[in-house]
Amino acid sequence: QVQLVESGGGLVQAGGSLRLSCAASGNIFSINFMAWYRQGPGKQRELVAAITSGGGTSYVDSVKGRFTISRDNAENTVYLQMNSLKPEDTAVYYCNFRRVGSATYDYWGQGTQVTVSS
């Protein structure tokens, strides 16, 4: 099992910044894929940013150039630096770790609220 705990959410004005953290514990061996998802009011959960075990990153178009995903292997932590925040970034942000092998296992954090005021 893998336990994920997010932190760093809050209320910020448009144009501001926040840094989300996702601390992992438990059996994180062979985790292939780490990501941040978000779910805004009345919307489906969407993939925001991802980082692979090899360090490759990808982003949804709406956050490119504003958000940066990174990881600290020594601390078993994944970060999401969010700059130039917009009201449409308001959502609950979830950390996801995925292990892909003979079967796929997804682990989720509890979510952290990000609210961007205009």
C-alpha atoms as a PDB file:
ATOM      1  CA  GLN A   1       0.000   0.000   0.000  1.00  0.00           C
ATOM      2  CA  VAL A   2       0.978   3.586  -0.614  1.00  0.00           C
ATOM      3  CA  GLN A   3      -0.228   6.497   1.467  1.00  0.00           C
ATOM      4  CA  LEU A   4      -0.300   9.980  -0.030  1.00  0.00           C
ATOM      5  CA  VAL A   5      -0.799  13.202   1.886  1.00  0.00           C
ATOM      6  CA  GLU A   6      -1.252  16.479   0.042  1.00  0.00           C
ATOM      7  CA  SER A   7      -0.679  19.924   1.464  1.00  0.00           C
ATOM      8  CA  GLY A   8      -0.235  23.478   0.299  1.00  0.00           C
ATOM      9  CA  GLY A   9      -3.683  24.382  -0.941  1.00  0.00           C
ATOM     10  CA  GLY A  10      -5.461  27.551   0.032  1.00  0.00           C
ATOM     11  CA  LEU A  11      -7.006  30.805  -1.114  1.00  0.00           C
ATOM     12  CA  VAL A  12      -5.018  33.073  -3.396  1.00  0.00           C
ATOM     13  CA  GLN A  13      -5.747  36.028  -5.623  1.00  0.00           C
ATOM     14  CA  ALA A  14      -5.555  35.751  -9.373  1.00  0.00           C
ATOM     15  CA  GLY A  15      -1.960  36.081 -10.500  1.00  0.00           C
ATOM     16  CA  GLY A  16      -0.641  34.580  -7.302  1.00  0.00           C
ATOM     17  CA  SER A  17       1.254  31.370  -6.655  1.00  0.00           C
ATOM     18  CA  LEU A  18       0.893  28.227  -4.601  1.00  0.00           C
ATOM     19  CA  ARG A  19       3.049  25.162  -4.167  1.00  0.00           C
ATOM     20  CA  LEU A  20       1.360  21.836  -3.564  1.00  0.00           C
ATOM     21  CA  SER A  21       3.196  18.950  -1.944  1.00  0.00           C
ATOM     22  CA  CYS A  22       2.409  15.246  -1.952  1.00  0.00           C
ATOM     23  CA  ALA A  23       4.294  13.168   0.577  1.00  0.00           C
ATOM     24  CA  ALA A  24       4.340   9.431  -0.029  1.00  0.00           C
ATOM     25  CA  SER A  25       4.895   6.615   2.417  1.00  0.00           C
ATOM     26  CA  GLY A  26       4.561   2.856   2.366  1.00  0.00           C
ATOM     27  CA  ASN A  27       5.553   0.579  -0.495  1.00  0.00           C
ATOM     28  CA  ILE A  28       6.551   3.064  -3.167  1.00  0.00           C
ATOM     29  CA  PHE A  29       8.847   0.602  -4.910  1.00  0.00           C
ATOM     30  CA  SER A  30       8.310   0.517  -8.691  1.00  0.00           C
ATOM     31  CA  ILE A  31       6.037   3.528  -8.848  1.00  0.00           C
ATOM     32  CA  ASN A  32       6.149   4.447 -12.536  1.00  0.00           C
ATOM     33  CA  PHE A  33       4.038   7.526 -12.747  1.00  0.00           C
ATOM     34  CA  MET A  34       3.219  10.413 -10.437  1.00  0.00           C
ATOM     35  CA  ALA A  35       0.654  13.018 -11.247  1.00  0.00           C
ATOM     36  CA  TRP A  36      -1.607  15.801 -10.120  1.00  0.00           C
ATOM     37  CA  TYR A  37      -5.269  15.779 -11.049  1.00  0.00           C
ATOM     38  CA  ARG A  38      -7.920  18.356 -10.280  1.00  0.00           C
ATOM     39  CA  GLN A  39     -11.669  18.457 -10.107  1.00  0.00           C
ATOM     40  CA  GLY A  40     -13.418  21.796 -10.321  1.00  0.00           C
ATOM     41  CA  PRO A  41     -17.024  22.495  -9.321  1.00  0.00           C
ATOM     42  CA  GLY A  42     -19.354  20.590 -11.625  1.00  0.00           C
ATOM     43  CA  LYS A  43     -16.474  19.245 -13.686  1.00  0.00           C
ATOM     44  CA  GLN A  44     -14.856  15.896 -14.253  1.00  0.00           C
ATOM     45  CA  ARG A  45     -11.490  15.117 -12.755  1.00  0.00           C
ATOM     46  CA  GLU A  46      -8.712  16.007 -15.181  1.00  0.00           C
ATOM     47  CA  LEU A  47      -5.028  15.240 -15.394  1.00  0.00           C
ATOM     48  CA  VAL A  48      -3.071  18.437 -14.817  1.00  0.00           C
ATOM     49  CA  ALA A  49       0.573  17.362 -14.774  1.00  0.00           C
ATOM     50  CA  ALA A  50       2.558  14.157 -14.665  1.00  0.00           C
ATOM     51  CA  ILE A  51       6.108  13.020 -14.124  1.00  0.00           C
ATOM     52  CA  THR A  52       7.480   9.589 -14.908  1.00  0.00           C
ATOM     53  CA  SER A  53      10.076   7.576 -13.042  1.00  0.00           C
ATOM     54  CA  GLY A  54      12.485   8.627 -15.791  1.00  0.00           C
ATOM     55  CA  GLY A  55      11.813  12.298 -15.142  1.00  0.00           C
ATOM     56  CA  GLY A  56       9.729  13.071 -18.197  1.00  0.00           C
ATOM     57  CA  THR A  57       6.939  15.571 -17.634  1.00  0.00           C
ATOM     58  CA  SER A  58       3.698  16.473 -19.335  1.00  0.00           C
ATOM     59  CA  TYR A  59       1.003  19.082 -18.766  1.00  0.00           C
ATOM     60  CA  VAL A  60      -2.515  19.826 -19.830  1.00  0.00           C
ATOM     61  CA  ASP A  61      -2.502  22.714 -22.285  1.00  0.00           C
ATOM     62  CA  SER A  62      -4.298  25.087 -19.929  1.00  0.00           C
ATOM     63  CA  VAL A  63      -1.429  25.087 -17.414  1.00  0.00           C
ATOM     64  CA  LYS A  64       1.601  24.920 -19.688  1.00  0.00           C
ATOM     65  CA  GLY A  65       4.066  27.663 -18.870  1.00  0.00           C
ATOM     66  CA  ARG A  66       2.411  28.310 -15.499  1.00  0.00           C
ATOM     67  CA  PHE A  67       2.655  25.028 -13.555  1.00  0.00           C
ATOM     68  CA  THR A  68       5.708  22.884 -12.901  1.00  0.00           C
ATOM     69  CA  ILE A  69       5.706  19.347 -11.544  1.00  0.00           C
ATOM     70  CA  SER A  70       8.810  18.066  -9.790  1.00  0.00           C
ATOM     71  CA  ARG A  71       9.858  15.406  -7.338  1.00  0.00           C
ATOM     72  CA  ASP A  72      12.305  14.850  -4.531  1.00  0.00           C
ATOM     73  CA  ASN A  73      13.207  11.172  -4.500  1.00  0.00           C
ATOM     74  CA  ALA A  74      15.027  11.429  -1.184  1.00  0.00           C
ATOM     75  CA  GLU A  75      11.908  12.836   0.473  1.00  0.00           C
ATOM     76  CA  ASN A  76       9.427  10.714  -1.530  1.00  0.00           C
ATOM     77  CA  THR A  77       7.593  13.907  -2.345  1.00  0.00           C
ATOM     78  CA  VAL A  78       6.074  15.302  -5.501  1.00  0.00           C
ATOM     79  CA  TYR A  79       5.422  19.013  -5.926  1.00  0.00           C
ATOM     80  CA  LEU A  80       3.249  21.174  -8.121  1.00  0.00           C
ATOM     81  CA  GLN A  81       4.402  24.774  -8.392  1.00  0.00           C
ATOM     82  CA  MET A  82       1.513  26.880  -9.630  1.00  0.00           C
ATOM     83  CA  ASN A  83       2.183  30.404 -10.851  1.00  0.00           C
ATOM     84  CA  SER A  84      -0.008  33.029 -12.495  1.00  0.00           C
ATOM     85  CA  LEU A  85      -3.071  31.363 -11.055  1.00  0.00           C
ATOM     86  CA  LYS A  86      -6.449  32.024 -12.622  1.00  0.00           C
ATOM     87  CA  PRO A  87      -9.957  31.674 -11.205  1.00  0.00           C
ATOM     88  CA  GLU A  88     -10.493  28.712 -13.535  1.00  0.00           C
ATOM     89  CA  ASP A  89      -7.726  26.875 -11.679  1.00  0.00           C
ATOM     90  CA  THR A  90     -10.045  26.651  -8.677  1.00  0.00           C
ATOM     91  CA  ALA A  91     -10.474  22.969  -7.855  1.00  0.00           C
ATOM     92  CA  VAL A  92      -9.656  20.194  -5.475  1.00  0.00           C
ATOM     93  CA  TYR A  93      -6.211  18.927  -6.425  1.00  0.00           C
ATOM     94  CA  TYR A  94      -5.379  15.260  -6.000  1.00  0.00           C
ATOM     95  CA  CYS A  95      -2.042  13.504  -6.016  1.00  0.00           C
ATOM     96  CA  ASN A  96      -1.841  10.172  -7.835  1.00  0.00           C
ATOM     97  CA  PHE A  97       0.833   7.495  -7.845  1.00  0.00           C
ATOM     98  CA  ARG A  98       0.566   4.642 -10.325  1.00  0.00           C
ATOM     99  CA  ARG A  99       2.346   1.325 -10.420  1.00  0.00           C
ATOM    100  CA  VAL A 100       2.188  -0.493 -13.756  1.00  0.00           C
ATOM    101  CA  GLY A 101       3.184  -4.132 -13.951  1.00  0.00           C
ATOM    102  CA  SER A 102       1.202  -7.283 -14.448  1.00  0.00           C
ATOM    103  CA  ALA A 103      -1.624  -5.141 -13.076  1.00  0.00           C
ATOM    104  CA  THR A 104      -2.083  -1.418 -12.635  1.00  0.00           C
ATOM    105  CA  TYR A 105      -2.477   0.083  -9.180  1.00  0.00           C
ATOM    106  CA  ASP A 106      -3.569   3.647  -8.537  1.00  0.00           C
ATOM    107  CA  TYR A 107      -3.106   5.404  -5.217  1.00  0.00           C
ATOM    108  CA  TRP A 108      -4.767   8.711  -4.354  1.00  0.00           C
ATOM    109  CA  GLY A 109      -4.384  11.371  -1.779  1.00  0.00           C
ATOM    110  CA  GLN A 110      -7.302  12.965   0.016  1.00  0.00           C
ATOM    111  CA  GLY A 111      -7.191  16.152  -2.027  1.00  0.00           C
ATOM    112  CA  THR A 112      -6.366  19.748  -1.221  1.00  0.00           C
ATOM    113  CA  GLN A 113      -8.568  22.722  -2.091  1.00  0.00           C
ATOM    114  CA  VAL A 114      -7.189  25.512  -4.250  1.00  0.00           C
ATOM    115  CA  THR A 115      -9.354  28.602  -4.594  1.00  0.00           C
ATOM    116  CA  VAL A 116      -8.342  31.487  -6.831  1.00  0.00           C
ATOM    117  CA  SER A 117     -10.276  34.718  -6.400  1.00  0.00           C
ATOM    118  CA  SER A 118     -10.657  37.258  -9.165  1.00  0.00           C
END
